[in-house]
Protein backbone atom coordinates (compact mmCIF):
# COMPACT_ATOMS: atom_id res chain seq x y z
CA UNK A 1 -1.26 -1.49 12.25
CA UNK A 2 -2.83 0.47 9.41
CA UNK A 3 -3.43 -1.52 6.22
CA UNK A 4 -4.49 -0.50 2.74
CA UNK A 5 -7.43 -2.80 2.23
CA UNK A 6 -8.07 -1.59 -1.34
CA UNK A 7 -5.74 -4.25 -2.77
CA UNK A 8 -6.43 -7.50 -4.59
CA UNK A 9 -5.06 -9.74 -1.81
CA UNK A 10 -8.08 -8.88 0.37
CA UNK A 11 -10.51 -9.64 -2.50
CA UNK A 12 -12.70 -6.51 -2.51
CA UNK A 13 -15.59 -6.59 -4.96
CA UNK A 14 -16.03 -3.54 -7.22
CA UNK A 15 -19.32 -2.58 -8.83
CA UNK A 16 -20.07 0.34 -11.14
CA UNK A 17 -23.51 0.39 -12.84
CA UNK A 18 -22.47 3.04 -15.36
CA UNK A 19 -20.50 2.61 -18.61
CA UNK A 20 -16.73 2.43 -18.13
CA UNK A 21 -13.96 2.90 -20.68
CA UNK A 22 -12.29 -0.30 -21.84
CA UNK A 23 -9.11 -0.94 -19.81
CA UNK A 24 -10.15 1.59 -17.14
CA UNK A 25 -12.66 -0.41 -15.08
CA UNK A 26 -13.14 0.14 -11.33
CA UNK A 27 -11.29 -3.10 -10.54
CA UNK A 28 -8.06 -1.32 -11.55
CA UNK A 29 -8.17 0.59 -8.28
CA UNK A 30 -7.17 -2.60 -6.40
CA UNK A 31 -4.18 -3.39 -8.63
CA UNK A 32 -0.52 -2.58 -8.05
CA UNK A 33 0.67 0.80 -9.32
CA UNK A 34 2.54 -0.88 -12.18
CA UNK A 35 -0.70 -2.47 -13.44
CA UNK A 36 -3.15 0.26 -12.47
CA UNK A 37 -4.48 2.32 -15.39
CA UNK A 38 -7.03 3.95 -13.08
CA UNK A 39 -10.77 4.38 -13.51
CA UNK A 40 -12.47 6.28 -16.35
CA UNK A 41 -16.07 6.34 -17.50
CA UNK A 42 -17.10 6.16 -21.10
CA UNK A 43 -17.06 9.62 -22.76
CA UNK A 44 -20.82 9.32 -23.32
CA UNK A 45 -21.46 8.65 -19.64
CA UNK A 46 -22.21 11.81 -17.66
CA UNK A 47 -22.11 12.16 -13.87
CA UNK A 48 -23.22 11.24 -11.33
CA UNK A 49 -21.62 7.81 -11.30
CA UNK A 50 -21.26 5.38 -8.41
CA UNK A 51 -18.43 2.99 -7.48
CA UNK A 52 -19.22 0.41 -4.82
CA UNK A 53 -16.43 -1.40 -2.97
CA UNK A 54 -17.48 -4.37 -0.88
CA UNK A 55 -15.11 -5.94 1.64
CA UNK A 56 -15.27 -9.58 2.91
CA UNK A 57 -14.94 -8.31 6.50
CA UNK A 58 -15.64 -5.16 8.49
CA UNK A 59 -13.04 -2.41 8.78
CA UNK A 60 -12.50 0.76 10.80
CA UNK A 61 -11.48 3.52 8.39
CA UNK A 62 -8.62 5.85 9.33
CA UNK A 63 -7.46 7.53 6.11
CA UNK A 64 -8.46 7.56 2.45
CA UNK A 65 -6.06 8.71 -0.27
CA UNK A 66 -7.06 9.20 -3.89
CA UNK A 67 -6.04 10.96 -7.08
CA UNK A 68 -8.97 12.70 -8.86
CA UNK A 69 -7.48 13.06 -12.33
CA UNK A 70 -6.08 11.10 -15.28
CA UNK A 71 -4.59 13.33 -17.96
CA UNK A 72 -7.13 16.08 -18.74
CA UNK A 73 -9.98 14.10 -17.15
CA UNK A 74 -10.70 15.37 -13.66
CA UNK A 75 -13.37 14.73 -11.01
CA UNK A 76 -14.21 17.93 -9.10
CA UNK A 77 -17.05 16.85 -6.76
CA UNK A 78 -16.68 13.51 -4.98
CA UNK A 79 -18.85 12.11 -2.19
CA UNK A 80 -17.87 9.07 -0.10
CA UNK A 81 -20.45 7.05 1.88
CA UNK A 82 -20.33 3.81 3.85
CA UNK A 83 -22.54 0.91 4.92
CA UNK A 84 -22.24 -1.09 8.15
CA UNK A 85 -23.61 -4.51 7.26
CA UNK A 86 -21.98 -7.11 9.54
CA UNK A 87 -19.87 -9.68 7.70
CA UNK A 88 -19.22 -12.97 9.50
CA UNK A 89 -17.68 -16.34 8.63
CA UNK A 90 -20.97 -17.44 7.00
CA UNK A 91 -21.16 -14.50 4.61
CA UNK A 92 -17.49 -13.68 3.93
CA UNK A 93 -16.13 -14.77 0.55
CA UNK A 94 -12.69 -14.72 2.08
CA UNK A 95 -13.72 -17.92 3.87
CA UNK A 96 -15.92 -19.35 1.10
CA UNK A 97 -15.82 -17.98 -2.43
CA UNK A 98 -19.41 -19.18 -3.01
CA UNK A 99 -20.59 -16.28 -0.83
CA UNK A 100 -19.71 -13.89 -3.66
CA UNK A 101 -22.89 -14.97 -5.39
CA UNK A 102 -24.98 -14.43 -2.25
CA UNK A 103 -24.23 -10.78 -1.55
CA UNK A 104 -27.08 -8.30 -1.14
CA UNK A 105 -28.33 -6.25 -4.04
CA UNK A 106 -26.64 -2.89 -3.77
CA UNK A 107 -30.03 -1.13 -4.08
CA UNK A 108 -31.14 -2.73 -0.79
CA UNK A 109 -28.28 -1.13 1.18
CA UNK A 110 -28.45 2.25 2.94
CA UNK A 111 -25.38 4.47 3.11
CA UNK A 112 -24.10 7.24 5.41
CA UNK A 113 -22.03 10.05 3.93
CA UNK A 114 -18.63 10.53 5.61
CA UNK A 115 -17.05 13.20 3.40
CA UNK A 116 -17.76 15.47 0.42
CA UNK A 117 -14.87 16.80 -1.61
CA UNK A 118 -15.22 19.84 -3.86
CA UNK A 119 -11.99 20.79 -5.57
CA UNK A 120 -11.57 22.62 -8.89
CA UNK A 121 -7.86 23.32 -8.46
CA UNK A 122 -6.31 21.85 -11.60
CA UNK A 123 -2.92 21.46 -9.84
CA UNK A 124 -4.30 18.96 -7.30
CA UNK A 125 -2.82 15.52 -7.93
CA UNK A 126 -3.65 13.91 -4.59
CA UNK A 127 -6.41 14.14 -1.96
CA UNK A 128 -5.91 12.92 1.60
CA UNK A 129 -8.83 12.43 3.99
CA UNK A 130 -8.21 11.95 7.74
CA UNK A 131 -10.30 11.11 10.77
CA UNK A 132 -8.75 13.87 12.92
CA UNK A 133 -6.62 17.01 12.79
CA UNK A 134 -3.56 15.28 11.43
CA UNK A 135 -0.31 17.23 11.52
CA UNK A 136 1.21 15.49 8.53
CA UNK A 137 3.08 17.74 6.11
CA UNK A 138 1.41 17.89 2.71
CA UNK A 139 2.86 18.64 -0.70
CA UNK A 140 1.81 21.67 -2.74
CA UNK A 141 -0.18 19.43 -5.09
CA UNK A 142 -2.00 17.67 -2.24
CA UNK A 143 -5.29 18.72 -0.62
CA UNK A 144 -6.21 17.55 2.88
CA UNK A 145 -9.77 16.97 4.11
CA UNK A 146 -11.43 15.52 7.21
CA UNK A 147 -14.29 13.09 7.59
CA UNK A 148 -17.54 14.80 8.55
CA UNK A 149 -18.37 12.19 11.16
CA UNK A 150 -16.13 9.66 12.89
CA UNK A 151 -19.15 7.69 14.13
CA UNK A 152 -19.68 6.11 10.72
CA UNK A 153 -16.02 5.05 10.23
CA UNK A 154 -16.45 1.95 12.41
CA UNK A 155 -17.56 -1.49 11.18
CA UNK A 156 -17.68 -0.50 7.51
CA UNK A 157 -18.41 -3.24 4.99
CA UNK A 158 -19.13 -1.31 1.78
CA UNK A 159 -17.78 2.03 0.56
CA UNK A 160 -19.65 4.05 -2.05
CA UNK A 161 -17.79 6.66 -4.09
CA UNK A 162 -20.03 9.03 -6.04
CA UNK A 163 -18.53 11.36 -8.61
CA UNK A 164 -21.09 14.14 -9.06
CA UNK A 165 -19.21 16.62 -11.16
CA UNK A 166 -16.21 16.77 -13.50
CA UNK A 167 -14.07 19.52 -14.99
CA UNK A 168 -15.96 20.90 -17.98
CA UNK A 169 -16.90 17.93 -20.18
CA UNK A 170 -14.20 15.47 -19.14
CA UNK A 171 -14.91 11.89 -18.03
CA UNK A 172 -15.23 10.84 -14.38
CA UNK A 173 -11.75 9.82 -13.27
CA UNK A 174 -9.84 8.27 -10.39
CA UNK A 175 -6.15 7.54 -10.88
CA UNK A 176 -5.79 5.50 -7.69
CA UNK A 177 -7.52 4.82 -4.39
CA UNK A 178 -6.10 3.76 -1.03
CA UNK A 179 -8.31 2.88 1.96
CA UNK A 180 -6.18 2.76 5.09
CA UNK A 181 -7.94 1.06 7.97
CA UNK A 182 -7.76 -1.56 10.69
CA UNK A 183 -9.82 -4.77 11.00
CA UNK A 184 -12.91 -4.11 13.15
CA UNK A 185 -13.12 -5.62 16.63
CA UNK A 186 -16.36 -7.32 15.59
CA UNK A 187 -14.56 -9.64 13.16
CA UNK A 188 -15.03 -13.31 14.20
CA UNK A 189 -11.97 -15.39 15.09
CA UNK A 190 -12.07 -17.45 11.89
CA UNK A 191 -11.84 -14.29 9.79
CA UNK A 192 -9.07 -12.88 11.99
CA UNK A 193 -7.07 -16.06 11.45
CA UNK A 194 -7.58 -15.80 7.69
CA UNK A 195 -6.45 -12.17 7.70
CA UNK A 196 -3.39 -13.07 9.72
CA UNK A 197 -2.45 -15.68 7.12
CA UNK A 198 -2.67 -13.05 4.39
CA UNK A 199 -0.65 -10.45 6.31
CA UNK A 200 2.01 -12.68 7.88
CA UNK A 201 5.09 -14.17 6.19
CA UNK A 202 5.59 -17.95 6.12
CA UNK A 203 5.95 -19.23 9.67
CA UNK A 204 8.99 -21.08 11.02
CA UNK A 205 6.84 -24.19 11.40
CA UNK A 206 5.94 -24.09 7.70
CA UNK A 207 9.58 -23.69 6.73
CA UNK A 208 10.42 -26.59 9.01
CA UNK A 209 7.87 -28.81 7.27
CA UNK A 210 9.27 -27.82 3.89
CA UNK A 211 12.75 -28.71 5.09
CA UNK A 212 11.64 -32.16 6.17
CA UNK A 213 10.09 -32.78 2.78
CA UNK A 214 13.18 -31.64 0.94
CA UNK A 215 16.36 -33.62 0.33
CA UNK A 216 18.97 -33.87 3.13
CA UNK A 217 21.47 -31.86 1.11
CA UNK A 218 19.14 -28.86 0.95
CA UNK A 219 18.04 -29.00 4.59
CA UNK A 220 20.51 -26.30 5.67
CA UNK A 221 20.17 -24.24 2.50
CA UNK A 222 16.96 -22.43 3.39
CA UNK A 223 17.29 -18.67 3.82
CA UNK A 224 16.95 -17.62 7.48
CA UNK A 225 13.84 -15.56 8.15
CA UNK A 226 15.86 -12.63 9.43
CA UNK A 227 17.51 -12.32 5.97
CA UNK A 228 14.15 -11.81 4.22
CA UNK A 229 12.73 -8.44 3.19
CA UNK A 230 9.66 -7.66 5.36
CA UNK A 231 7.75 -6.43 2.26
CA UNK A 232 8.85 -8.74 -0.54
CA UNK A 233 10.13 -11.75 1.45
CA UNK A 234 13.14 -11.88 -0.86
CA UNK A 235 16.73 -12.21 0.28
CA UNK A 236 18.12 -8.78 1.22
CA UNK A 237 21.52 -7.63 -0.09
CA UNK A 238 21.70 -4.39 1.87
CA UNK A 239 19.25 -4.57 4.79
CA UNK A 240 17.86 -1.18 5.84
CA UNK A 241 16.49 -0.72 9.35
CA UNK A 242 13.41 1.52 9.27
CA UNK A 243 12.18 3.76 12.15
CA UNK A 244 9.40 1.18 12.66
CA UNK A 245 12.07 -1.48 13.39
CA UNK A 246 11.18 -3.37 10.19
CA UNK A 247 13.91 -4.50 7.80
CA UNK A 248 13.71 -4.13 4.02
CA UNK A 249 16.27 -4.24 1.25
CA UNK A 250 17.71 -1.01 -0.09
CA UNK A 251 16.21 -1.67 -3.56
CA UNK A 252 12.77 -2.01 -1.91
CA UNK A 253 13.30 1.23 -0.03
CA UNK A 254 14.21 2.99 -3.29
CA UNK A 255 11.00 1.71 -4.92
CA UNK A 256 8.94 2.94 -1.96
CA UNK A 257 10.55 6.36 -2.11
CA UNK A 258 10.00 6.50 -5.88
CA UNK A 259 6.30 5.83 -5.35
CA UNK A 260 6.16 8.52 -2.63
CA UNK A 261 7.67 11.08 -4.96
CA UNK A 262 5.46 9.95 -7.82
CA UNK A 263 2.34 10.59 -5.74
CA UNK A 264 3.62 13.90 -4.30
CA UNK A 265 4.37 12.53 -0.83
CA UNK A 266 7.39 12.98 1.39
CA UNK A 267 9.50 9.82 1.69
CA UNK A 268 8.01 7.79 4.54
CA UNK A 269 8.13 4.50 6.42
CA UNK A 270 5.94 2.09 4.39
CA UNK A 271 4.74 0.41 7.61
CA UNK A 272 3.71 3.43 9.69
CA UNK A 273 3.33 6.06 6.91
CA UNK A 274 5.33 8.50 9.06
CA UNK A 275 7.60 10.77 7.02
CA UNK A 276 11.36 10.36 7.47
CA UNK A 277 13.16 13.15 9.31
CA UNK A 278 16.77 13.90 10.20
CA UNK A 279 16.20 11.98 13.47
CA UNK A 280 14.02 9.11 12.22
CA UNK A 281 15.48 7.72 9.03
CA UNK A 282 16.51 4.36 7.51
CA UNK A 283 20.02 3.15 8.32
CA UNK A 284 22.02 0.17 7.07
CA UNK A 285 21.83 -2.83 9.43
CA UNK A 286 25.57 -3.47 9.30
CA UNK A 287 25.74 -6.58 11.47
CA UNK A 288 22.89 -8.23 9.64
CA UNK A 289 24.58 -7.46 6.30
CA UNK A 290 27.74 -9.20 7.52
CA UNK A 291 25.72 -12.31 8.38
CA UNK A 292 23.99 -12.23 4.97
CA UNK A 293 27.36 -11.97 3.23
CA UNK A 294 28.68 -14.92 5.27
CA UNK A 295 25.58 -16.95 4.34
CA UNK A 296 26.05 -16.21 0.66
CA UNK A 297 29.75 -17.02 0.87
CA UNK A 298 28.94 -20.43 2.35
CA UNK A 299 26.46 -21.12 -0.43
CA UNK A 300 28.37 -19.57 -3.33
CA UNK A 301 28.24 -22.85 -5.29
CA UNK A 302 24.50 -23.17 -4.90
CA UNK A 303 22.75 -22.20 -8.19
CA UNK A 304 20.02 -20.44 -6.20
CA UNK A 305 22.45 -17.83 -4.84
CA UNK A 306 25.02 -17.40 -7.64
CA UNK A 307 23.36 -14.26 -8.97
CA UNK A 308 23.45 -12.47 -5.60
CA UNK A 309 26.31 -10.00 -5.06
CA UNK A 310 27.83 -10.82 -1.71
CA UNK A 311 30.01 -7.81 -0.93
CA UNK A 312 28.00 -4.93 -2.36
CA UNK A 313 29.22 -1.72 -0.73
CA UNK A 314 26.70 -0.76 1.96
CA UNK A 315 27.90 2.85 1.86
CA UNK A 316 26.96 3.19 -1.80
CA UNK A 317 24.40 6.04 -2.03
CA UNK A 318 20.84 5.43 -3.11
CA UNK A 319 20.65 5.53 -6.92
CA UNK A 320 18.73 8.82 -7.04
CA UNK A 321 20.00 11.19 -4.35
CA UNK A 322 17.08 13.56 -4.85
CA UNK A 323 14.66 10.92 -3.60
CA UNK A 324 15.99 10.76 -0.09
CA UNK A 325 17.13 14.03 1.44
CA UNK A 326 17.80 12.44 4.81
CA UNK A 327 20.42 9.96 3.63
CA UNK A 328 22.70 9.03 6.51
CA UNK A 329 26.18 10.55 6.16
CA UNK A 330 29.19 8.31 6.63
CA UNK A 331 32.71 9.50 7.54
CA UNK A 332 33.89 8.89 4.00
CA UNK A 333 31.38 11.46 2.73
CA UNK A 334 32.90 14.22 4.85
CA UNK A 335 36.43 13.19 3.86
CA UNK A 336 35.54 13.43 0.16
CA UNK A 337 33.98 16.87 0.69
CA UNK A 338 37.12 18.10 2.46
CA UNK A 339 39.34 16.82 -0.33
CA UNK A 340 37.18 18.55 -2.91
CA UNK A 341 37.49 21.92 -1.12
CA UNK A 342 41.26 21.56 -0.99
């Protein structure tokens, strides 16, 4: 499964030796979109500038997505390099936070260039870099590149992003950065276990222990795991079955589609990153919705569930129809169109 490792939950360490604008430090690139202002250098700082991203484990890089501009500030020549230092349970700060103070000086590390991006097109809002000839459809404002060598994409521990040139006299800029990869096979078992704990939802055993520690009256009040959104782990009101066989709530799906549109992408499955088509598209999990409604009906007097709407119409269209062109059509839709023509 591909994972975006440039997020705070995996504790990457960001370093930038050059002056950065207040509120636009490199650490922003690991934050959620809602909190991410992006990266900007101080107006007095001229290129080249370097951003180092250290990971507490080794990864095999598959794709890198980034946006090279913030407002009128635009980076036009970007170089990405990697280092292959082996991270084990003795050096990973994911296991022991003390190891953060024991990392190598960045000047002692050698790097191998994996891609160089030169783009002066002012309409470009997104750059996608792949490890092969990917057939993904790209938007007009998206530029697609390929890594120069796949040999250096394995067992990466540090990524170096060098901005060598900007548009005219603007500051060096990155609006966002996504590093999609898989954990390397060289990762020791202790680190794999730690990663699994980060990626996996609470286990049934953990819920069972919590139930034992709770009062008898609340023992049967826990939400069944199948009712939880696979992304947010919140109770779903309208469960949507994705092409990847994962279940998320309709509101979560709408947020994902909103982000796709915001970053000039086609709506896609958040787990596989495959774009929706007329054949592969989200559909309402009707039987699961019935069971969720029954569960909420049984617990309607419980303060925890009073704010949940039990019988929300599953055929209700997504709030913004323009976001999802492959919305499944129900019989009622055709009936309404026929009546309108008459």
